[in-house]
Protein backbone atom coordinates (compact mmCIF):
# COMPACT_ATOMS: atom_id res chain seq x y z
CA MET A 1 0.00 0.00 0.00
CA ARG A 2 2.83 2.40 0.85
CA LYS A 3 4.42 1.70 -2.52
CA ILE A 4 1.13 2.53 -4.29
CA LEU A 5 0.81 5.80 -2.40
CA LEU A 6 4.37 6.78 -3.25
CA LEU A 7 3.73 6.05 -6.90
CA ILE A 8 0.61 8.21 -6.85
CA ALA A 9 2.48 11.04 -5.16
CA SER A 10 5.31 10.71 -7.64
CA ALA A 11 2.88 10.83 -10.55
CA PHE A 12 1.29 13.99 -9.18
CA LEU A 13 4.62 15.72 -8.58
CA THR A 14 5.67 14.89 -12.13
CA HIS A 15 2.42 16.42 -13.35
CA ALA A 16 3.00 19.43 -11.14
CA SER A 17 6.55 20.01 -12.34
CA MET A 18 5.32 20.00 -15.94
CA ALA A 19 2.87 22.76 -15.09
CA GLN A 20 5.32 24.99 -13.22
CA SER A 21 6.01 27.09 -16.31
CA ILE A 22 2.33 27.75 -17.10
CA ALA A 23 1.90 31.46 -17.75
CA GLU A 24 0.08 33.46 -15.11
CA GLN A 25 -3.70 33.12 -15.37
CA GLY A 26 -3.38 29.87 -17.34
CA CYS A 27 -4.45 26.34 -16.45
CA GLY A 28 -2.07 24.10 -14.55
CA THR A 29 -3.58 20.81 -15.72
CA ILE A 30 -1.80 18.57 -18.23
CA THR A 31 -3.35 15.24 -19.23
CA SER A 32 -0.78 12.44 -19.24
CA ASP A 33 -0.46 9.74 -21.92
CA GLU A 34 -1.84 7.23 -19.42
CA GLU A 35 -4.87 9.43 -18.71
CA MET A 36 -5.50 9.73 -22.46
CA GLN A 37 -5.99 6.00 -22.93
CA PRO A 38 -9.66 5.95 -21.77
CA ILE A 39 -10.33 8.81 -24.22
CA TYR A 40 -8.83 6.88 -27.13
CA GLU A 41 -10.75 3.77 -26.11
CA TYR A 42 -13.98 5.74 -25.81
CA VAL A 43 -13.76 7.40 -29.23
CA ARG A 44 -12.69 4.09 -30.80
CA THR A 45 -15.70 2.15 -29.51
CA LEU A 46 -18.14 4.99 -28.73
CA GLU A 47 -19.49 2.82 -25.92
CA SER A 48 -20.74 5.15 -23.22
CA ALA A 49 -22.71 3.94 -20.23
CA LYS A 50 -24.94 7.00 -20.51
CA PRO A 51 -24.86 8.61 -23.95
CA LYS A 52 -25.87 12.22 -24.42
CA GLY A 53 -29.60 12.65 -24.80
CA THR A 54 -30.80 10.12 -22.23
CA ALA A 55 -33.51 11.25 -19.86
CA GLY A 56 -32.68 12.33 -16.34
CA VAL A 57 -30.02 14.49 -14.74
CA ASP A 58 -27.20 13.20 -12.55
CA SER A 59 -26.82 15.09 -9.26
CA ILE A 60 -23.19 15.43 -8.23
CA PRO A 61 -22.07 16.57 -4.73
CA LEU A 62 -19.72 19.55 -4.63
CA SER A 63 -17.70 20.17 -1.47
CA ILE A 64 -16.55 23.79 -1.34
CA HIS A 65 -13.43 24.77 0.61
CA ILE A 66 -12.70 28.49 1.06
CA VAL A 67 -9.04 28.97 1.96
CA THR A 68 -7.97 32.11 3.80
CA LYS A 69 -4.84 33.46 5.45
CA ASP A 70 -3.98 32.26 8.95
CA ASP A 71 -5.96 35.17 10.44
CA GLY A 72 -9.09 34.30 8.45
CA THR A 73 -8.85 37.21 5.99
CA GLY A 74 -8.72 37.23 2.21
CA GLY A 75 -11.09 34.35 1.42
CA TYR A 76 -13.34 34.02 -1.61
CA PRO A 77 -16.51 36.01 -0.81
CA LEU A 78 -19.64 34.03 -0.07
CA GLN A 79 -21.71 36.40 -2.21
CA ASN A 80 -19.88 35.01 -5.30
CA VAL A 81 -20.13 31.32 -4.41
CA PHE A 82 -23.82 30.78 -5.11
CA PRO A 83 -24.17 32.64 -8.45
CA LEU A 84 -20.96 30.89 -9.59
CA ILE A 85 -22.51 27.46 -8.88
CA CYS A 86 -25.73 28.57 -10.56
CA SER A 87 -23.75 29.56 -13.69
CA LEU A 88 -21.80 26.29 -13.53
CA ASN A 89 -25.02 24.28 -13.66
CA THR A 90 -26.34 26.27 -16.60
CA ARG A 91 -23.16 25.46 -18.53
CA TYR A 92 -23.26 21.74 -17.62
CA ALA A 93 -26.98 21.32 -18.34
CA PRO A 94 -26.35 19.92 -21.88
CA ALA A 95 -24.28 17.17 -20.24
CA SER A 96 -27.20 16.27 -17.90
CA MET A 97 -24.89 16.96 -14.93
CA TYR A 98 -26.05 19.05 -11.97
CA PHE A 99 -23.75 20.07 -9.09
CA TYR A 100 -25.29 20.51 -5.66
CA ILE A 101 -23.58 21.90 -2.58
CA ALA A 102 -22.61 19.24 -0.06
CA TRP A 103 -23.05 21.31 3.13
CA PRO A 104 -21.37 22.77 5.02
CA ILE A 105 -19.09 25.15 3.16
CA ARG A 106 -15.70 24.58 4.76
CA TYR A 107 -13.17 27.24 5.75
CA ILE A 108 -9.43 26.54 5.97
CA ASN A 109 -7.33 29.26 7.64
CA ASN A 110 -3.86 28.48 6.33
CA THR A 111 -1.59 30.98 4.59
CA SER A 112 0.61 28.24 3.10
CA TYR A 113 -2.48 26.81 1.36
CA TYR A 114 -3.79 30.26 0.45
CA ILE A 115 -0.75 30.84 -1.79
CA HIS A 116 0.71 27.45 -2.62
CA ASN A 117 2.81 25.43 -5.04
CA PHE A 118 1.63 22.10 -6.45
CA SER A 119 3.29 20.04 -3.72
CA VAL A 120 1.58 22.01 -0.94
CA GLY A 121 -1.69 21.92 -2.90
CA TYR A 122 -1.45 18.14 -3.02
CA GLN A 123 -1.03 18.09 0.77
CA MET A 124 -3.98 20.48 1.21
CA MET A 125 -6.28 18.21 -0.78
CA GLN A 126 -5.06 14.99 0.79
CA THR A 127 -5.72 16.47 4.24
CA ASN A 128 -9.10 18.09 3.60
CA ASN A 129 -10.89 16.21 0.80
CA VAL A 130 -14.43 15.03 1.56
CA ALA A 131 -15.08 11.47 0.40
CA GLN A 132 -17.60 10.77 -2.39
CA SER A 133 -17.59 14.40 -3.46
CA VAL A 134 -16.02 16.76 -5.98
CA ASN A 135 -13.68 18.88 -3.86
CA VAL A 136 -13.09 22.47 -5.00
CA TYR A 137 -10.64 24.78 -3.19
CA PHE A 138 -10.80 28.55 -3.67
CA VAL A 139 -7.36 30.02 -2.97
CA GLN A 140 -5.53 33.25 -3.75
CA ASP A 141 -2.81 31.69 -5.89
CA PRO A 142 -2.88 28.05 -7.08
CA SER A 143 0.80 27.79 -8.02
CA GLY A 144 0.79 30.79 -10.35
CA THR A 145 -2.15 29.54 -12.44
CA CYS A 146 -5.85 30.32 -12.72
CA GLY A 147 -6.60 26.81 -11.53
CA TYR A 148 -5.74 23.14 -11.89
CA PHE A 149 -7.06 19.63 -11.38
CA SER A 150 -4.78 17.37 -9.36
CA PRO A 151 -5.20 13.76 -10.52
CA GLY A 152 -3.09 12.48 -7.63
CA ALA A 153 -5.06 14.27 -4.88
CA ASP A 154 -8.31 14.21 -6.90
CA GLY A 155 -9.27 17.81 -6.24
CA VAL A 156 -9.57 21.14 -8.01
CA ALA A 157 -7.96 24.44 -7.00
CA ILE A 158 -9.34 27.74 -8.31
CA GLY A 159 -7.68 31.16 -8.02
CA ILE A 160 -9.91 33.86 -6.52
CA ASN A 161 -9.01 36.29 -9.30
CA CYS A 162 -10.23 33.75 -11.89
CA ALA A 163 -13.52 32.99 -10.15
CA ALA A 164 -15.75 35.88 -11.13
CA VAL A 165 -19.38 34.83 -11.53
CA ASN A 166 -19.12 34.67 -15.34
CA SER A 167 -15.66 33.08 -15.37
CA THR A 168 -15.26 29.67 -17.04
CA THR A 169 -12.27 28.55 -14.95
CA LEU A 170 -14.33 26.25 -12.71
CA VAL A 171 -16.19 24.88 -15.76
CA HIS A 172 -12.84 24.19 -17.46
CA GLU A 173 -11.19 22.51 -14.44
CA LEU A 174 -14.19 20.29 -13.75
CA GLY A 175 -13.96 19.25 -17.40
CA HIS A 176 -10.45 18.01 -16.53
CA PHE A 177 -11.85 16.34 -13.40
CA PHE A 178 -14.24 14.34 -15.58
CA SER A 179 -11.50 13.20 -18.00
CA LEU A 180 -11.25 15.94 -20.64
CA PRO A 181 -7.85 17.12 -21.94
CA HIS A 182 -7.20 20.53 -23.45
CA THR A 183 -8.26 20.92 -27.07
CA PHE A 184 -4.61 21.91 -27.64
CA ARG A 185 -3.19 18.92 -25.79
CA GLY A 186 0.57 18.65 -26.35
CA TRP A 187 1.07 22.39 -26.91
CA GLU A 188 0.93 23.42 -23.23
CA ASN A 189 3.69 25.57 -21.76
CA GLY A 190 4.93 26.58 -25.20
CA ALA A 191 5.88 22.99 -26.08
CA THR A 192 5.72 21.53 -29.58
CA PRO A 193 4.62 17.87 -29.65
CA PRO A 194 6.25 15.32 -31.97
CA VAL A 195 4.84 15.41 -35.50
CA TYR A 196 3.00 12.11 -35.05
CA GLN A 197 1.11 13.62 -32.07
CA GLN A 198 0.07 16.78 -33.93
CA GLU A 199 -3.59 16.66 -34.88
CA TYR A 200 -4.43 17.22 -38.56
CA VAL A 201 -7.04 19.76 -39.60
CA LYS A 202 -8.30 17.11 -42.03
CA ARG A 203 -11.35 15.04 -41.07
CA GLY A 204 -12.63 11.86 -42.72
CA VAL A 205 -10.26 9.60 -44.69
CA GLY A 206 -6.67 10.16 -43.63
CA ALA A 207 -7.55 11.99 -40.41
CA ASN A 208 -5.68 11.27 -37.17
CA CYS A 209 -8.09 13.00 -34.77
CA THR A 210 -8.74 9.81 -32.78
CA THR A 211 -5.05 9.26 -32.01
CA ALA A 212 -3.59 12.78 -31.72
CA GLY A 213 -4.46 16.02 -29.95
CA ASP A 214 -7.38 15.71 -27.56
CA GLY A 215 -8.66 12.51 -29.25
CA PHE A 216 -12.02 13.97 -30.29
CA CYS A 217 -12.88 14.39 -33.97
CA ASP A 218 -15.70 16.86 -33.24
CA THR A 219 -13.25 19.43 -31.83
CA ASP A 220 -11.10 21.25 -34.38
CA ALA A 221 -7.33 20.95 -34.37
CA ASP A 222 -5.93 23.49 -31.89
CA TYR A 223 -2.28 24.46 -31.46
CA LEU A 224 -2.82 27.58 -29.31
CA GLY A 225 -1.42 26.89 -25.82
CA SER A 226 -1.80 30.46 -24.54
CA ARG A 227 -4.86 32.66 -24.04
CA TRP A 228 -6.40 34.15 -27.17
CA ALA A 229 -9.36 36.33 -28.08
CA CYS A 230 -12.18 35.49 -30.45
CA PRO A 231 -13.02 35.50 -33.22
CA TYR A 232 -9.84 33.77 -34.28
CA ASN A 233 -8.51 35.81 -37.18
CA GLY A 234 -5.34 33.94 -38.00
CA PHE A 235 -3.16 36.33 -36.01
CA ASN A 236 -0.81 33.41 -35.53
CA VAL A 237 -0.83 31.41 -38.78
CA LEU A 238 -0.18 27.79 -37.92
CA LEU A 239 0.01 24.88 -40.35
CA ASP A 240 -0.51 21.23 -39.49
CA PRO A 241 1.90 18.54 -40.79
CA LEU A 242 -0.19 18.26 -43.99
CA GLY A 243 0.09 21.99 -44.68
CA ASP A 244 -3.50 22.88 -43.76
CA THR A 245 -4.17 26.04 -41.73
CA VAL A 246 -5.15 25.44 -38.11
CA LYS A 247 -8.34 27.28 -37.12
CA PRO A 248 -9.17 26.47 -33.48
CA ASP A 249 -12.73 26.68 -32.18
CA PRO A 250 -13.10 29.43 -29.54
CA THR A 251 -16.47 28.19 -28.27
CA LEU A 252 -15.09 25.12 -26.50
CA TYR A 253 -14.62 25.29 -22.73
CA MET A 254 -11.47 23.16 -22.92
CA SER A 255 -9.69 25.60 -25.26
CA TYR A 256 -7.63 28.62 -24.16
CA SER A 257 -9.87 31.26 -25.70
CA MET A 258 -11.11 34.05 -23.45
CA ASP A 259 -14.01 33.41 -21.07
CA ALA A 260 -16.52 35.38 -23.13
CA CYS A 261 -15.83 33.14 -26.16
CA MET A 262 -16.55 29.81 -24.43
CA THR A 263 -20.09 28.43 -24.62
CA ARG A 264 -20.04 24.64 -24.97
CA PHE A 265 -18.66 21.13 -24.71
CA SER A 266 -18.72 19.07 -27.90
CA PRO A 267 -20.97 15.97 -28.06
CA LEU A 268 -17.97 13.63 -27.77
CA GLN A 269 -16.60 15.61 -24.83
CA ILE A 270 -19.98 15.28 -23.13
CA GLY A 271 -20.07 11.55 -23.82
CA SER A 272 -16.57 11.13 -22.39
CA MET A 273 -17.52 12.99 -19.18
CA GLN A 274 -20.64 10.86 -18.76
CA ASN A 275 -18.60 7.73 -19.43
CA ASN A 276 -16.18 8.83 -16.70
CA LEU A 277 -19.03 9.57 -14.27
CA TYR A 278 -20.67 6.19 -14.81
CA GLY A 279 -17.30 4.42 -14.67
CA ILE A 280 -14.55 5.31 -12.23
CA ARG A 281 -16.61 8.10 -10.59
CA ASN A 282 -19.88 6.21 -10.19
CA ALA A 283 -19.81 6.76 -6.40
CA LEU A 284 -20.47 10.47 -6.97
CA ARG A 285 -23.68 9.65 -8.79
CA LEU A 286 -24.90 7.36 -6.01
CA ARG A 287 -24.40 9.68 -3.05
CA PRO A 288 -27.80 10.54 -1.50
CA SER A 289 -29.08 14.07 -1.98
CA THR A 290 -32.19 15.91 -0.88
CA PRO A 291 -34.89 16.69 -3.47
CA TYR A 292 -34.89 20.10 -5.11
CA ALA A 293 -36.95 22.51 -3.03
CA ALA A 294 -38.80 25.55 -4.35
CA LEU A 295 -38.11 28.44 -1.96
CA SER A 296 -40.20 31.47 -1.08
CA THR A 297 -39.03 34.99 -0.30
CA PRO A 298 -38.38 35.56 3.41
CA ASN A 299 -39.97 38.43 5.32
CA VAL A 300 -37.32 40.50 7.08
CA PHE A 301 -38.46 42.03 10.37
CA LEU A 302 -37.18 45.58 10.76
CA PRO A 303 -38.54 48.42 12.91
CA ALA A 304 -41.71 50.01 11.55
CA ASN A 305 -39.91 53.29 10.93
CA LYS A 306 -36.98 51.40 9.32
CA VAL A 307 -34.56 52.86 11.84
CA MET A 308 -32.12 50.54 13.60
CA TYR A 309 -30.83 51.75 16.94
CA SER A 310 -27.57 51.05 18.70
CA ASN A 311 -29.27 48.64 21.12
CA THR A 312 -31.18 46.73 18.42
CA LYS A 313 -28.47 45.90 15.88
CA TYR A 314 -29.90 42.71 14.43
CA VAL A 315 -31.86 41.38 11.47
CA MET A 316 -34.59 38.75 11.84
CA TRP A 317 -36.59 36.88 9.23
CA ASN A 318 -39.11 34.07 9.06
CA LYS A 319 -38.26 30.42 8.48
CA VAL A 320 -38.56 29.59 4.76
CA PRO A 321 -39.90 26.05 4.14
CA GLY A 322 -37.24 23.90 2.45
CA ALA A 323 -34.37 26.28 3.17
CA GLN A 324 -31.28 24.64 4.68
CA TYR A 325 -29.20 27.81 5.04
CA TYR A 326 -29.55 31.56 4.68
CA TYR A 327 -26.95 33.83 3.16
CA VAL A 328 -27.15 37.24 4.85
CA LYS A 329 -25.20 40.36 3.98
CA ILE A 330 -25.15 43.93 5.21
CA THR A 331 -23.98 46.66 2.85
CA SER A 332 -24.06 50.41 2.59
CA ALA A 333 -27.10 51.48 0.54
CA ALA A 334 -24.80 53.74 -1.47
CA LEU A 335 -22.36 50.88 -2.27
CA PRO A 336 -24.46 47.71 -2.36
CA THR A 337 -21.72 45.68 -4.11
CA VAL A 338 -19.28 46.19 -1.21
CA VAL A 339 -20.12 43.68 1.52
CA ARG A 340 -19.62 45.02 5.05
CA GLN A 341 -20.76 41.84 6.83
CA GLU A 342 -21.84 38.46 5.49
CA ALA A 343 -22.78 35.15 7.04
CA LEU A 344 -24.09 31.72 6.14
CA THR A 345 -26.42 30.56 8.89
CA THR A 346 -29.13 28.05 9.71
CA ASP A 347 -30.59 30.56 12.16
CA THR A 348 -33.33 33.11 11.47
CA PHE A 349 -31.57 36.15 12.90
CA LEU A 350 -28.16 37.79 12.68
CA ASN A 351 -26.53 40.19 15.10
CA ILE A 352 -24.94 43.06 13.16
CA SER A 353 -21.34 43.47 14.29
CA ILE A 354 -20.03 46.15 11.93
CA ALA A 355 -19.55 49.79 12.95
CA MET A 356 -22.27 51.93 11.39
CA VAL A 357 -22.44 55.67 10.81
CA ASN A 358 -25.08 57.66 12.68
CA GLY A 359 -27.72 58.60 10.12
CA GLY A 360 -26.25 56.28 7.49
CA ASN A 361 -28.39 54.18 5.16
CA TYR A 362 -27.83 50.43 4.86
CA LEU A 363 -29.15 47.39 3.02
CA ALA A 364 -29.94 44.00 4.58
CA THR A 365 -30.16 41.09 2.13
CA VAL A 366 -31.39 37.59 3.03
CA VAL A 367 -31.13 34.71 0.53
CA PRO A 368 -32.70 31.32 1.38
CA LEU A 369 -30.63 28.40 0.09
CA GLN A 370 -31.05 24.70 -0.46
CA GLU A 371 -28.30 22.36 -1.68
CA LYS A 372 -29.85 22.18 -5.17
CA ASN A 373 -31.33 25.67 -5.18
CA VAL A 374 -28.70 28.40 -4.77
CA CYS A 375 -29.61 30.81 -7.57
CA GLY A 376 -31.21 33.34 -5.21
CA ALA A 377 -34.46 33.82 -7.12
CA HIS A 378 -36.28 34.71 -3.89
CA THR A 379 -33.90 37.20 -2.33
CA ALA A 380 -35.22 39.71 0.21
CA ALA A 381 -33.50 43.12 0.37
CA TYR A 382 -34.51 45.87 2.79
CA THR A 383 -33.08 49.32 3.39
CA PHE A 384 -32.84 50.91 6.81
CA SER A 385 -31.10 53.81 8.51
CA TYR A 386 -29.00 53.68 11.66
CA SER A 387 -29.24 55.79 14.76
CA ALA A 388 -26.51 55.85 17.39
CA ALA A 389 -29.18 56.64 19.97
CA LEU A 390 -30.93 53.98 22.02
CA GLY A 391 -34.26 52.77 20.76
CA VAL A 392 -36.33 53.81 23.81
CA ASP A 393 -37.60 57.07 25.32
CA ASP A 394 -35.68 56.62 28.58
CA VAL A 395 -32.01 56.03 27.74
CA ALA A 396 -31.35 54.69 31.22
CA THR A 397 -33.56 51.65 30.60
CA HIS A 398 -31.02 50.21 28.18
CA GLN A 399 -27.74 50.73 29.91
CA ARG A 400 -27.56 46.92 30.13
CA PRO A 401 -28.86 44.27 27.70
CA LEU A 402 -31.24 41.38 28.08
CA SER A 403 -29.56 38.67 30.13
CA MET A 404 -30.42 35.00 30.64
CA VAL A 405 -28.90 33.24 33.62
CA PRO A 406 -27.82 30.52 33.34
CA ASN A 407 -27.07 30.35 29.60
CA PRO A 408 -26.56 27.57 28.53
CA ALA A 409 -29.54 26.44 30.58
CA ASN A 410 -30.41 22.98 31.88
CA THR A 411 -33.85 22.98 33.51
CA GLU A 412 -34.49 26.72 33.92
CA THR A 413 -33.19 30.17 33.03
CA ARG A 414 -34.17 33.65 34.21
CA LEU A 415 -34.75 36.49 31.75
CA GLN A 416 -33.73 39.88 33.08
CA VAL A 417 -33.75 43.46 31.77
CA PRO A 418 -33.04 46.20 34.32
CA ASN A 419 -35.09 49.39 34.72
CA VAL A 420 -37.90 48.90 32.20
CA LYS A 421 -40.88 51.23 32.20
CA ASN A 422 -44.42 50.42 33.30
CA GLY A 423 -46.37 48.86 30.45
CA SER A 424 -47.28 45.78 28.40
CA TYR A 425 -44.61 43.40 27.08
CA ALA A 426 -44.48 40.27 24.95
CA ILE A 427 -42.03 37.38 25.21
CA ARG A 428 -41.49 35.06 22.27
CA ILE A 429 -39.13 32.06 22.14
CA THR A 430 -38.56 30.25 18.83
CA ASN A 431 -36.42 27.28 17.87
CA ILE A 432 -33.86 27.20 15.06
CA ALA A 433 -36.59 26.19 12.60
CA GLY A 434 -38.49 29.39 13.39
CA GLN A 435 -41.27 27.51 15.23
CA SER A 436 -42.81 29.26 18.22
CA ILE A 437 -42.02 27.51 21.52
CA LEU A 438 -43.40 30.06 23.96
CA GLN A 439 -45.50 33.21 23.59
CA GLN A 440 -46.50 35.20 26.64
CA ASP A 441 -48.00 38.67 27.16
CA LEU A 442 -47.64 40.33 30.54
CA GLN A 443 -48.09 43.63 32.33
CA HIS A 444 -45.07 45.00 34.18
CA SER A 445 -45.23 47.72 36.79
CA GLY A 446 -41.73 49.04 36.07
CA GLY A 447 -38.26 48.46 37.41
CA THR A 448 -36.22 45.33 36.78
CA PHE A 449 -37.87 42.89 34.41
CA SER A 450 -37.23 39.37 35.72
CA ILE A 451 -39.08 36.19 34.81
CA PRO A 452 -38.17 32.48 35.14
CA VAL A 453 -38.53 30.26 32.08
CA SER A 454 -38.58 26.47 32.32
CA THR A 455 -36.32 24.70 29.82
CA GLN A 456 -36.70 21.26 31.36
CA TYR A 457 -38.64 19.81 28.44
CA LEU A 458 -36.93 21.66 25.62
CA PRO A 459 -34.61 19.59 23.39
CA ASN A 460 -30.95 20.52 23.34
CA GLY A 461 -30.36 23.29 20.82
CA ILE A 462 -30.26 27.01 20.11
CA TYR A 463 -33.31 29.23 20.61
CA SER A 464 -33.99 32.91 20.09
CA VAL A 465 -35.64 34.94 22.85
CA ARG A 466 -37.32 38.22 21.92
CA ILE A 467 -38.87 40.79 24.28
CA THR A 468 -40.87 43.64 22.80
CA GLY A 469 -43.23 46.35 24.03
CA ASN A 470 -43.39 49.95 25.24
CA GLY A 471 -40.42 51.03 23.09
CA LEU A 472 -38.35 47.95 23.98
CA SER A 473 -37.16 45.45 21.33
CA MET A 474 -34.38 43.01 22.19
CA VAL A 475 -33.34 39.56 21.01
CA GLU A 476 -30.71 37.16 22.29
CA LYS A 477 -29.72 33.53 21.84
CA LEU A 478 -30.48 30.90 24.44
CA VAL A 479 -28.62 27.59 24.45
CA VAL A 480 -30.28 24.58 26.09
CA GLN A 481 -27.95 21.77 27.24
CA HIS A 482 -29.19 18.93 29.43
């Protein structure tokens, strides 16, 4: 077993060393002669376990790893993750392949992984890969490339600067993951392959497209191993060994044309990916997943006058049926693309921790998510202003916050707020699913608000406790541990 592992590591390091000279913003993946054999066999026999055009879509788990510096800064923003996956699925729809998020999204705080060489990337994947899943790592610099697929560690690394929502880097690297070589295979890193490995432009009688280049006859001969813009206008006139002019196809995801040019996989490329999925990667197809859930738009609870005060810095929303997580972000209303605070939570409220400007206008956005539904069609966005004042008439009543002692609680906790005014109040306790556990209205004569709450029969978990009335509005978390 040790010998096998060493051979695998050696094979990966050889692959990595070949990619060291890839130009910045290029792809670090090179398909070896050994890895090409299934391609040649596939195009020779055209025997695919699931040919293109069959009914049904294969759901494939995607484990997302966001790598940051040691101090947790610099990671790929959550606000880009979900539209990127949505775009990925649109591009893979013709292949009947659908990627769903295998929760949770994982964070790795490690500067050496954040900017790494291939050897360290191999270690990162070996240490953190999730079994029976496609593992994708978002890092700052994947060994000087835009991204790469590591066949030895069986994972994909994507550079943050190459992961804009409309970027095709992830599409391209997952193509490698599911067996595809570059359309210009053999010409990577400025190399020139031997003449017998150079693909002819010619198709039909006398063609060599099944034994040279990428092995697919429905992708044009391509000798361009560096990025190029479309339409291809012959700026670099290249002739194949028969003297015919090479005119590469810019629409193919596995080429090196610019992102805006790429729109498709060829039918044979699709068949090869499906053949790979139903062959050596069949375990991905068999991993259980939850059904697709249609999601509704959440209602965000903000003060009636849409003013948030210094003692009520939180956002609450209702439980959306079918939602597994909520993506929440706080931005300035003037700069809504600049995220000030973001979180991925299973809860239905978020404490706002950022410093806000007195009188400033802000935007709270809540996006319900489900592993197969991350496109954000039912996003709730609400504007509010911030006041540095306390949200009550008598400032003295909120010198101290709502407290629950003990917290975590076993059989009982006591809710306390000092110096509240005479009036009517409402207490509401909800569980993490947003279901109401306790609702109680009471009249208080003023002074310290103190009431015992039994938790003896509550299941272990996290609850939200909200007290409102007479100018008071406070919410805190209660943890029950028996």
